Amino acid sequence: MESLTHTFSIKALLILLKESRRMTLEELAAEMGETHGSVVHAIDALQGAKLIESLQSRNAPYGRVVTLTLTGQAVAAKLKEIENLIGWEGGGGVT
């Protein structure tokens, strides 16, 4: 499995998913200011780590909706806690 520690997109994705609970890939890409391909890569890595679930959207035949698993929620909470401890919040961190 690919390392989850080197990709900003994956950390940001965890935070966004924790806040929004369920988002489409397009919403994530727009919110993060990342390309669709970067978000798909992040989703694949998170799914491989069993931190998210990806479902096909009924309303958008080609759209995937992602949500955190219970483990993913715990990881996202810890990332937020770490960010707060080292002072990244609002200053270029993952939020």
PDB file of N, CA and C in Angstrom:
ATOM      1  N   MET A   1       0.840  -1.187   0.000  1.00  0.00           N
ATOM      2  CA  MET A   1       0.000   0.000   0.000  1.00  0.00           C
ATOM      3  C   MET A   1       0.884   1.250   0.000  1.00  0.00           C
ATOM      4  N   GLU A   2       0.442   2.240  -0.690  1.00  0.00           N
ATOM      5  CA  GLU A   2       1.158   3.510  -0.782  1.00  0.00           C
ATOM      6  C   GLU A   2       1.156   4.226   0.575  1.00  0.00           C
ATOM      7  N   SER A   3       2.236   4.903   0.875  1.00  0.00           N
ATOM      8  CA  SER A   3       2.326   5.670   2.107  1.00  0.00           C
ATOM      9  C   SER A   3       1.292   6.790   2.111  1.00  0.00           C
ATOM     10  N   LEU A   4       0.647   6.989   3.239  1.00  0.00           N
ATOM     11  CA  LEU A   4      -0.337   8.059   3.363  1.00  0.00           C
ATOM     12  C   LEU A   4       0.279   9.340   3.912  1.00  0.00           C
ATOM     13  N   THR A   5       1.561   9.325   4.241  1.00  0.00           N
ATOM     14  CA  THR A   5       2.146  10.471   4.929  1.00  0.00           C
ATOM     15  C   THR A   5       2.719  11.527   4.005  1.00  0.00           C
ATOM     16  N   HIS A   6       2.960  11.227   2.751  1.00  0.00           N
ATOM     17  CA  HIS A   6       3.663  12.176   1.896  1.00  0.00           C
ATOM     18  C   HIS A   6       2.758  13.042   1.047  1.00  0.00           C
ATOM     19  N   THR A   7       1.478  12.843   1.056  1.00  0.00           N
ATOM     20  CA  THR A   7       0.607  13.549   0.134  1.00  0.00           C
ATOM     21  C   THR A   7      -0.299  14.530   0.861  1.00  0.00           C
ATOM     22  N   PHE A   8      -0.102  15.800   0.577  1.00  0.00           N
ATOM     23  CA  PHE A   8      -0.939  16.846   1.149  1.00  0.00           C
ATOM     24  C   PHE A   8      -2.405  16.590   0.841  1.00  0.00           C
ATOM     25  N   SER A   9      -2.696  16.158  -0.369  1.00  0.00           N
ATOM     26  CA  SER A   9      -4.083  15.946  -0.784  1.00  0.00           C
ATOM     27  C   SER A   9      -4.791  14.932   0.109  1.00  0.00           C
ATOM     28  N   ILE A  10      -4.097  13.894   0.509  1.00  0.00           N
ATOM     29  CA  ILE A  10      -4.727  12.872   1.335  1.00  0.00           C
ATOM     30  C   ILE A  10      -5.060  13.435   2.707  1.00  0.00           C
ATOM     31  N   LYS A  11      -4.152  14.197   3.306  1.00  0.00           N
ATOM     32  CA  LYS A  11      -4.434  14.790   4.620  1.00  0.00           C
ATOM     33  C   LYS A  11      -5.575  15.793   4.523  1.00  0.00           C
ATOM     34  N   ALA A  12      -5.556  16.618   3.511  1.00  0.00           N
ATOM     35  CA  ALA A  12      -6.618  17.596   3.319  1.00  0.00           C
ATOM     36  C   ALA A  12      -7.945  16.903   3.067  1.00  0.00           C
ATOM     37  N   LEU A  13      -7.906  15.840   2.314  1.00  0.00           N
ATOM     38  CA  LEU A  13      -9.106  15.083   2.019  1.00  0.00           C
ATOM     39  C   LEU A  13      -9.739  14.528   3.288  1.00  0.00           C
ATOM     40  N   LEU A  14      -8.922  14.023   4.182  1.00  0.00           N
ATOM     41  CA  LEU A  14      -9.455  13.503   5.445  1.00  0.00           C
ATOM     42  C   LEU A  14     -10.172  14.598   6.230  1.00  0.00           C
ATOM     43  N   ILE A  15      -9.568  15.768   6.283  1.00  0.00           N
ATOM     44  CA  ILE A  15     -10.194  16.880   7.002  1.00  0.00           C
ATOM     45  C   ILE A  15     -11.503  17.285   6.331  1.00  0.00           C
ATOM     46  N   LEU A  16     -11.497  17.423   5.009  1.00  0.00           N
ATOM     47  CA  LEU A  16     -12.712  17.810   4.293  1.00  0.00           C
ATOM     48  C   LEU A  16     -13.820  16.790   4.485  1.00  0.00           C
ATOM     49  N   LEU A  17     -13.456  15.533   4.416  1.00  0.00           N
ATOM     50  CA  LEU A  17     -14.472  14.498   4.583  1.00  0.00           C
ATOM     51  C   LEU A  17     -15.022  14.481   6.004  1.00  0.00           C
ATOM     52  N   LYS A  18     -14.159  14.728   6.974  1.00  0.00           N
ATOM     53  CA  LYS A  18     -14.626  14.756   8.357  1.00  0.00           C
ATOM     54  C   LYS A  18     -15.647  15.876   8.546  1.00  0.00           C
ATOM     55  N   GLU A  19     -15.392  17.015   7.959  1.00  0.00           N
ATOM     56  CA  GLU A  19     -16.294  18.154   8.098  1.00  0.00           C
ATOM     57  C   GLU A  19     -17.588  17.968   7.299  1.00  0.00           C
ATOM     58  N   SER A  20     -17.490  17.401   6.125  1.00  0.00           N
ATOM     59  CA  SER A  20     -18.640  17.329   5.220  1.00  0.00           C
ATOM     60  C   SER A  20     -19.347  15.986   5.233  1.00  0.00           C
ATOM     61  N   ARG A  21     -18.741  15.009   5.823  1.00  0.00           N
ATOM     62  CA  ARG A  21     -19.303  13.663   5.915  1.00  0.00           C
ATOM     63  C   ARG A  21     -19.348  12.929   4.577  1.00  0.00           C
ATOM     64  N   ARG A  22     -19.934  13.509   3.541  1.00  0.00           N
ATOM     65  CA  ARG A  22     -20.078  12.830   2.255  1.00  0.00           C
ATOM     66  C   ARG A  22     -19.948  13.858   1.141  1.00  0.00           C
ATOM     67  N   MET A  23     -19.052  13.586   0.203  1.00  0.00           N
ATOM     68  CA  MET A  23     -18.833  14.527  -0.897  1.00  0.00           C
ATOM     69  C   MET A  23     -18.582  13.757  -2.182  1.00  0.00           C
ATOM     70  N   THR A  24     -18.880  14.402  -3.309  1.00  0.00           N
ATOM     71  CA  THR A  24     -18.527  13.823  -4.603  1.00  0.00           C
ATOM     72  C   THR A  24     -17.075  14.177  -4.902  1.00  0.00           C
ATOM     73  N   LEU A  25     -16.492  13.464  -5.851  1.00  0.00           N
ATOM     74  CA  LEU A  25     -15.119  13.765  -6.252  1.00  0.00           C
ATOM     75  C   LEU A  25     -15.001  15.178  -6.797  1.00  0.00           C
ATOM     76  N   GLU A  26     -16.016  15.614  -7.520  1.00  0.00           N
ATOM     77  CA  GLU A  26     -15.991  16.964  -8.088  1.00  0.00           C
ATOM     78  C   GLU A  26     -16.024  18.021  -6.989  1.00  0.00           C
ATOM     79  N   GLU A  27     -16.840  17.804  -5.969  1.00  0.00           N
ATOM     80  CA  GLU A  27     -16.896  18.742  -4.841  1.00  0.00           C
ATOM     81  C   GLU A  27     -15.563  18.798  -4.119  1.00  0.00           C
ATOM     82  N   LEU A  28     -14.947  17.641  -3.915  1.00  0.00           N
ATOM     83  CA  LEU A  28     -13.641  17.597  -3.252  1.00  0.00           C
ATOM     84  C   LEU A  28     -12.581  18.334  -4.059  1.00  0.00           C
ATOM     85  N   ALA A  29     -12.552  18.089  -5.358  1.00  0.00           N
ATOM     86  CA  ALA A  29     -11.558  18.751  -6.205  1.00  0.00           C
ATOM     87  C   ALA A  29     -11.729  20.268  -6.147  1.00  0.00           C
ATOM     88  N   ALA A  30     -12.975  20.731  -6.218  1.00  0.00           N
ATOM     89  CA  ALA A  30     -13.235  22.174  -6.180  1.00  0.00           C
ATOM     90  C   ALA A  30     -12.853  22.756  -4.826  1.00  0.00           C
ATOM     91  N   GLU A  31     -13.213  22.104  -3.758  1.00  0.00           N
ATOM     92  CA  GLU A  31     -12.935  22.596  -2.406  1.00  0.00           C
ATOM     93  C   GLU A  31     -11.441  22.642  -2.117  1.00  0.00           C
ATOM     94  N   MET A  32     -10.724  21.660  -2.624  1.00  0.00           N
ATOM     95  CA  MET A  32      -9.289  21.575  -2.367  1.00  0.00           C
ATOM     96  C   MET A  32      -8.465  22.375  -3.357  1.00  0.00           C
ATOM     97  N   GLY A  33      -9.059  22.796  -4.472  1.00  0.00           N
ATOM     98  CA  GLY A  33      -8.298  23.471  -5.501  1.00  0.00           C
ATOM     99  C   GLY A  33      -7.329  22.530  -6.198  1.00  0.00           C
ATOM    100  N   GLU A  34      -7.687  21.262  -6.255  1.00  0.00           N
ATOM    101  CA  GLU A  34      -6.847  20.231  -6.872  1.00  0.00           C
ATOM    102  C   GLU A  34      -7.508  19.722  -8.145  1.00  0.00           C
ATOM    103  N   THR A  35      -6.733  19.075  -8.976  1.00  0.00           N
ATOM    104  CA  THR A  35      -7.290  18.479 -10.184  1.00  0.00           C
ATOM    105  C   THR A  35      -8.073  17.224  -9.831  1.00  0.00           C
ATOM    106  N   HIS A  36      -8.975  16.858 -10.720  1.00  0.00           N
ATOM    107  CA  HIS A  36      -9.774  15.650 -10.527  1.00  0.00           C
ATOM    108  C   HIS A  36      -8.858  14.434 -10.371  1.00  0.00           C
ATOM    109  N   GLY A  37      -7.811  14.370 -11.181  1.00  0.00           N
ATOM    110  CA  GLY A  37      -6.876  13.248 -11.121  1.00  0.00           C
ATOM    111  C   GLY A  37      -6.177  13.125  -9.782  1.00  0.00           C
ATOM    112  N   SER A  38      -5.793  14.255  -9.193  1.00  0.00           N
ATOM    113  CA  SER A  38      -5.155  14.233  -7.868  1.00  0.00           C
ATOM    114  C   SER A  38      -6.101  13.699  -6.813  1.00  0.00           C
ATOM    115  N   VAL A  39      -7.358  14.105  -6.912  1.00  0.00           N
ATOM    116  CA  VAL A  39      -8.350  13.654  -5.937  1.00  0.00           C
ATOM    117  C   VAL A  39      -8.620  12.159  -6.114  1.00  0.00           C
ATOM    118  N   VAL A  40      -8.708  11.698  -7.346  1.00  0.00           N
ATOM    119  CA  VAL A  40      -8.915  10.263  -7.594  1.00  0.00           C
ATOM    120  C   VAL A  40      -7.751   9.464  -7.010  1.00  0.00           C
ATOM    121  N   HIS A  41      -6.523   9.957  -7.196  1.00  0.00           N
ATOM    122  CA  HIS A  41      -5.347   9.283  -6.643  1.00  0.00           C
ATOM    123  C   HIS A  41      -5.436   9.221  -5.110  1.00  0.00           C
ATOM    124  N   ALA A  42      -5.819  10.331  -4.493  1.00  0.00           N
ATOM    125  CA  ALA A  42      -5.961  10.375  -3.037  1.00  0.00           C
ATOM    126  C   ALA A  42      -7.053   9.418  -2.570  1.00  0.00           C
ATOM    127  N   ILE A  43      -8.172   9.396  -3.264  1.00  0.00           N
ATOM    128  CA  ILE A  43      -9.280   8.507  -2.908  1.00  0.00           C
ATOM    129  C   ILE A  43      -8.828   7.046  -2.975  1.00  0.00           C
ATOM    130  N   ASP A  44      -8.116   6.689  -4.022  1.00  0.00           N
ATOM    131  CA  ASP A  44      -7.646   5.314  -4.162  1.00  0.00           C
ATOM    132  C   ASP A  44      -6.731   4.920  -3.005  1.00  0.00           C
ATOM    133  N   ALA A  45      -5.829   5.828  -2.602  1.00  0.00           N
ATOM    134  CA  ALA A  45      -4.926   5.538  -1.485  1.00  0.00           C
ATOM    135  C   ALA A  45      -5.699   5.403  -0.176  1.00  0.00           C
ATOM    136  N   LEU A  46      -6.660   6.289   0.045  1.00  0.00           N
ATOM    137  CA  LEU A  46      -7.464   6.227   1.266  1.00  0.00           C
ATOM    138  C   LEU A  46      -8.329   4.980   1.303  1.00  0.00           C
ATOM    139  N   GLN A  47      -8.868   4.596   0.162  1.00  0.00           N
ATOM    140  CA  GLN A  47      -9.687   3.401   0.101  1.00  0.00           C
ATOM    141  C   GLN A  47      -8.821   2.164   0.361  1.00  0.00           C
ATOM    142  N   GLY A  48      -7.608   2.156  -0.160  1.00  0.00           N
ATOM    143  CA  GLY A  48      -6.684   1.054   0.088  1.00  0.00           C
ATOM    144  C   GLY A  48      -6.327   0.909   1.560  1.00  0.00           C
ATOM    145  N   ALA A  49      -6.326   2.030   2.266  1.00  0.00           N
ATOM    146  CA  ALA A  49      -6.029   2.023   3.701  1.00  0.00           C
ATOM    147  C   ALA A  49      -7.289   1.804   4.542  1.00  0.00           C
ATOM    148  N   LYS A  50      -8.418   1.611   3.881  1.00  0.00           N
ATOM    149  CA  LYS A  50      -9.709   1.381   4.538  1.00  0.00           C
ATOM    150  C   LYS A  50     -10.138   2.563   5.412  1.00  0.00           C
ATOM    151  N   LEU A  51      -9.768   3.787   4.957  1.00  0.00           N
ATOM    152  CA  LEU A  51     -10.156   4.995   5.678  1.00  0.00           C
ATOM    153  C   LEU A  51     -11.404   5.636   5.091  1.00  0.00           C
ATOM    154  N   ILE A  52     -11.740   5.281   3.866  1.00  0.00           N
ATOM    155  CA  ILE A  52     -12.957   5.800   3.246  1.00  0.00           C
ATOM    156  C   ILE A  52     -13.709   4.682   2.539  1.00  0.00           C
ATOM    157  N   GLU A  53     -14.985   4.976   2.283  1.00  0.00           N
ATOM    158  CA  GLU A  53     -15.811   4.135   1.425  1.00  0.00           C
ATOM    159  C   GLU A  53     -16.203   4.986   0.236  1.00  0.00           C
ATOM    160  N   SER A  54     -16.204   4.381  -0.927  1.00  0.00           N
ATOM    161  CA  SER A  54     -16.558   5.072  -2.143  1.00  0.00           C
ATOM    162  C   SER A  54     -17.788   4.395  -2.732  1.00  0.00           C
ATOM    163  N   LEU A  55     -18.812   5.176  -2.992  1.00  0.00           N
ATOM    164  CA  LEU A  55     -20.056   4.646  -3.530  1.00  0.00           C
ATOM    165  C   LEU A  55     -20.381   5.328  -4.838  1.00  0.00           C
ATOM    166  N   GLN A  56     -21.006   4.593  -5.731  1.00  0.00           N
ATOM    167  CA  GLN A  56     -21.466   5.185  -6.981  1.00  0.00           C
ATOM    168  C   GLN A  56     -22.736   5.985  -6.695  1.00  0.00           C
ATOM    169  N   SER A  57     -22.789   7.215  -7.152  1.00  0.00           N
ATOM    170  CA  SER A  57     -23.952   8.076  -6.936  1.00  0.00           C
ATOM    171  C   SER A  57     -25.063   7.712  -7.911  1.00  0.00           C
ATOM    172  N   ARG A  58     -26.267   7.572  -7.415  1.00  0.00           N
ATOM    173  CA  ARG A  58     -27.418   7.286  -8.280  1.00  0.00           C
ATOM    174  C   ARG A  58     -27.752   8.485  -9.161  1.00  0.00           C
ATOM    175  N   ASN A  59     -27.551   9.674  -8.624  1.00  0.00           N
ATOM    176  CA  ASN A  59     -27.892  10.901  -9.349  1.00  0.00           C
ATOM    177  C   ASN A  59     -26.870  11.270 -10.413  1.00  0.00           C
ATOM    178  N   ALA A  60     -25.654  10.781 -10.272  1.00  0.00           N
ATOM    179  CA  ALA A  60     -24.591  11.086 -11.233  1.00  0.00           C
ATOM    180  C   ALA A  60     -23.936   9.770 -11.632  1.00  0.00           C
ATOM    181  N   PRO A  61     -24.328   9.220 -12.767  1.00  0.00           N
ATOM    182  CA  PRO A  61     -23.843   7.895 -13.149  1.00  0.00           C
ATOM    183  C   PRO A  61     -22.327   7.736 -13.126  1.00  0.00           C
ATOM    184  N   TYR A  62     -21.598   8.821 -13.401  1.00  0.00           N
ATOM    185  CA  TYR A  62     -20.139   8.734 -13.393  1.00  0.00           C
ATOM    186  C   TYR A  62     -19.540   9.337 -12.133  1.00  0.00           C
ATOM    187  N   GLY A  63     -20.380   9.733 -11.201  1.00  0.00           N
ATOM    188  CA  GLY A  63     -19.893  10.366  -9.978  1.00  0.00           C
ATOM    189  C   GLY A  63     -19.742   9.386  -8.840  1.00  0.00           C
ATOM    190  N   ARG A  64     -18.667   9.540  -8.111  1.00  0.00           N
ATOM    191  CA  ARG A  64     -18.447   8.732  -6.908  1.00  0.00           C
ATOM    192  C   ARG A  64     -18.652   9.637  -5.708  1.00  0.00           C
ATOM    193  N   VAL A  65     -19.284   9.091  -4.693  1.00  0.00           N
ATOM    194  CA  VAL A  65     -19.476   9.791  -3.436  1.00  0.00           C
ATOM    195  C   VAL A  65     -18.613   9.073  -2.411  1.00  0.00           C
ATOM    196  N   VAL A  66     -17.852   9.855  -1.645  1.00  0.00           N
ATOM    197  CA  VAL A  66     -16.955   9.253  -0.665  1.00  0.00           C
ATOM    198  C   VAL A  66     -17.354   9.682   0.739  1.00  0.00           C
ATOM    199  N   THR A  67     -17.127   8.778   1.659  1.00  0.00           N
ATOM    200  CA  THR A  67     -17.400   9.041   3.063  1.00  0.00           C
ATOM    201  C   THR A  67     -16.363   8.312   3.907  1.00  0.00           C
ATOM    202  N   LEU A  68     -16.080   8.838   5.076  1.00  0.00           N
ATOM    203  CA  LEU A  68     -15.106   8.212   5.958  1.00  0.00           C
ATOM    204  C   LEU A  68     -15.672   6.974   6.632  1.00  0.00           C
ATOM    205  N   THR A  69     -14.828   5.986   6.812  1.00  0.00           N
ATOM    206  CA  THR A  69     -15.160   4.846   7.658  1.00  0.00           C
ATOM    207  C   THR A  69     -14.969   5.297   9.109  1.00  0.00           C
ATOM    208  N   LEU A  70     -15.315   4.447  10.057  1.00  0.00           N
ATOM    209  CA  LEU A  70     -15.086   4.795  11.464  1.00  0.00           C
ATOM    210  C   LEU A  70     -13.594   5.011  11.737  1.00  0.00           C
ATOM    211  N   THR A  71     -12.764   4.181  11.154  1.00  0.00           N
ATOM    212  CA  THR A  71     -11.317   4.355  11.304  1.00  0.00           C
ATOM    213  C   THR A  71     -10.870   5.663  10.671  1.00  0.00           C
ATOM    214  N   GLY A  72     -11.412   5.975   9.511  1.00  0.00           N
ATOM    215  CA  GLY A  72     -11.085   7.228   8.838  1.00  0.00           C
ATOM    216  C   GLY A  72     -11.477   8.444   9.658  1.00  0.00           C
ATOM    217  N   GLN A  73     -12.620   8.365  10.332  1.00  0.00           N
ATOM    218  CA  GLN A  73     -13.044   9.466  11.198  1.00  0.00           C
ATOM    219  C   GLN A  73     -12.052   9.665  12.337  1.00  0.00           C
ATOM    220  N   ALA A  74     -11.578   8.573  12.907  1.00  0.00           N
ATOM    221  CA  ALA A  74     -10.604   8.665  13.999  1.00  0.00           C
ATOM    222  C   ALA A  74      -9.288   9.264  13.501  1.00  0.00           C
ATOM    223  N   VAL A  75      -8.834   8.837  12.323  1.00  0.00           N
ATOM    224  CA  VAL A  75      -7.595   9.366  11.758  1.00  0.00           C
ATOM    225  C   VAL A  75      -7.744  10.854  11.454  1.00  0.00           C
ATOM    226  N   ALA A  76      -8.873  11.248  10.856  1.00  0.00           N
ATOM    227  CA  ALA A  76      -9.102  12.660  10.538  1.00  0.00           C
ATOM    228  C   ALA A  76      -9.095  13.512  11.802  1.00  0.00           C
ATOM    229  N   ALA A  77      -9.694  13.014  12.873  1.00  0.00           N
ATOM    230  CA  ALA A  77      -9.706  13.755  14.139  1.00  0.00           C
ATOM    231  C   ALA A  77      -8.288  13.925  14.681  1.00  0.00           C
ATOM    232  N   LYS A  78      -7.476  12.893  14.573  1.00  0.00           N
ATOM    233  CA  LYS A  78      -6.087  12.975  15.047  1.00  0.00           C
ATOM    234  C   LYS A  78      -5.269  13.946  14.195  1.00  0.00           C
ATOM    235  N   LEU A  79      -5.496  13.940  12.881  1.00  0.00           N
ATOM    236  CA  LEU A  79      -4.788  14.890  12.015  1.00  0.00           C
ATOM    237  C   LEU A  79      -5.129  16.321  12.406  1.00  0.00           C
ATOM    238  N   LYS A  80      -6.393  16.581  12.680  1.00  0.00           N
ATOM    239  CA  LYS A  80      -6.819  17.916  13.100  1.00  0.00           C
ATOM    240  C   LYS A  80      -6.158  18.281  14.432  1.00  0.00           C
ATOM    241  N   GLU A  81      -6.116  17.334  15.340  1.00  0.00           N
ATOM    242  CA  GLU A  81      -5.485  17.557  16.648  1.00  0.00           C
ATOM    243  C   GLU A  81      -3.994  17.873  16.485  1.00  0.00           C
ATOM    244  N   ILE A  82      -3.302  17.128  15.641  1.00  0.00           N
ATOM    245  CA  ILE A  82      -1.884  17.363  15.385  1.00  0.00           C
ATOM    246  C   ILE A  82      -1.682  18.740  14.767  1.00  0.00           C
ATOM    247  N   GLU A  83      -2.520  19.068  13.800  1.00  0.00           N
ATOM    248  CA  GLU A  83      -2.427  20.373  13.151  1.00  0.00           C
ATOM    249  C   GLU A  83      -2.559  21.503  14.178  1.00  0.00           C
ATOM    250  N   ASN A  84      -3.504  21.376  15.075  1.00  0.00           N
ATOM    251  CA  ASN A  84      -3.704  22.393  16.109  1.00  0.00           C
ATOM    252  C   ASN A  84      -2.499  22.485  17.047  1.00  0.00           C
ATOM    253  N   LEU A  85      -1.922  21.346  17.404  1.00  0.00           N
ATOM    254  CA  LEU A  85      -0.782  21.322  18.316  1.00  0.00           C
ATOM    255  C   LEU A  85       0.444  22.018  17.731  1.00  0.00           C
ATOM    256  N   ILE A  86       0.665  21.863  16.443  1.00  0.00           N
ATOM    257  CA  ILE A  86       1.861  22.453  15.853  1.00  0.00           C
ATOM    258  C   ILE A  86       1.596  23.810  15.210  1.00  0.00           C
ATOM    259  N   GLY A  87       0.382  24.289  15.345  1.00  0.00           N
ATOM    260  CA  GLY A  87       0.080  25.643  14.907  1.00  0.00           C
ATOM    261  C   GLY A  87      -0.117  25.836  13.431  1.00  0.00           C
ATOM    262  N   TRP A  88      -0.527  24.808  12.696  1.00  0.00           N
ATOM    263  CA  TRP A  88      -0.744  24.943  11.270  1.00  0.00           C
ATOM    264  C   TRP A  88      -2.095  25.529  10.931  1.00  0.00           C
ATOM    265  N   GLU A  89      -3.018  25.497  11.840  1.00  0.00           N
ATOM    266  CA  GLU A  89      -4.382  25.916  11.513  1.00  0.00           C
ATOM    267  C   GLU A  89      -4.388  27.348  10.983  1.00  0.00           C
ATOM    268  N   GLY A  90      -4.921  27.500   9.787  1.00  0.00           N
ATOM    269  CA  GLY A  90      -5.006  28.809   9.173  1.00  0.00           C
ATOM    270  C   GLY A  90      -3.687  29.332   8.618  1.00  0.00           C
ATOM    271  N   GLY A  91      -2.638  28.541   8.699  1.00  0.00           N
ATOM    272  CA  GLY A  91      -1.346  29.027   8.231  1.00  0.00           C
ATOM    273  C   GLY A  91      -0.638  28.093   7.284  1.00  0.00           C
ATOM    274  N   GLY A  92      -1.384  27.465   6.391  1.00  0.00           N
ATOM    275  CA  GLY A  92      -0.760  26.608   5.398  1.00  0.00           C
ATOM    276  C   GLY A  92      -0.777  25.134   5.754  1.00  0.00           C
ATOM    277  N   GLY A  93      -1.544  24.775   6.755  1.00  0.00           N
ATOM    278  CA  GLY A  93      -1.645  23.374   7.132  1.00  0.00           C
ATOM    279  C   GLY A  93      -2.641  22.638   6.276  1.00  0.00           C
ATOM    280  N   VAL A  94      -3.306  21.677   6.845  1.00  0.00           N
ATOM    281  CA  VAL A  94      -4.211  20.859   6.058  1.00  0.00           C
ATOM    282  C   VAL A  94      -5.661  21.288   6.140  1.00  0.00           C
ATOM    283  N   THR A  95      -5.955  22.348   6.867  1.00  0.00           N
ATOM    284  CA  THR A  95      -7.347  22.807   6.898  1.00  0.00           C
ATOM    285  C   THR A  95      -7.557  23.939   5.928  1.00  0.00           C
TER     286      THR A  95
END
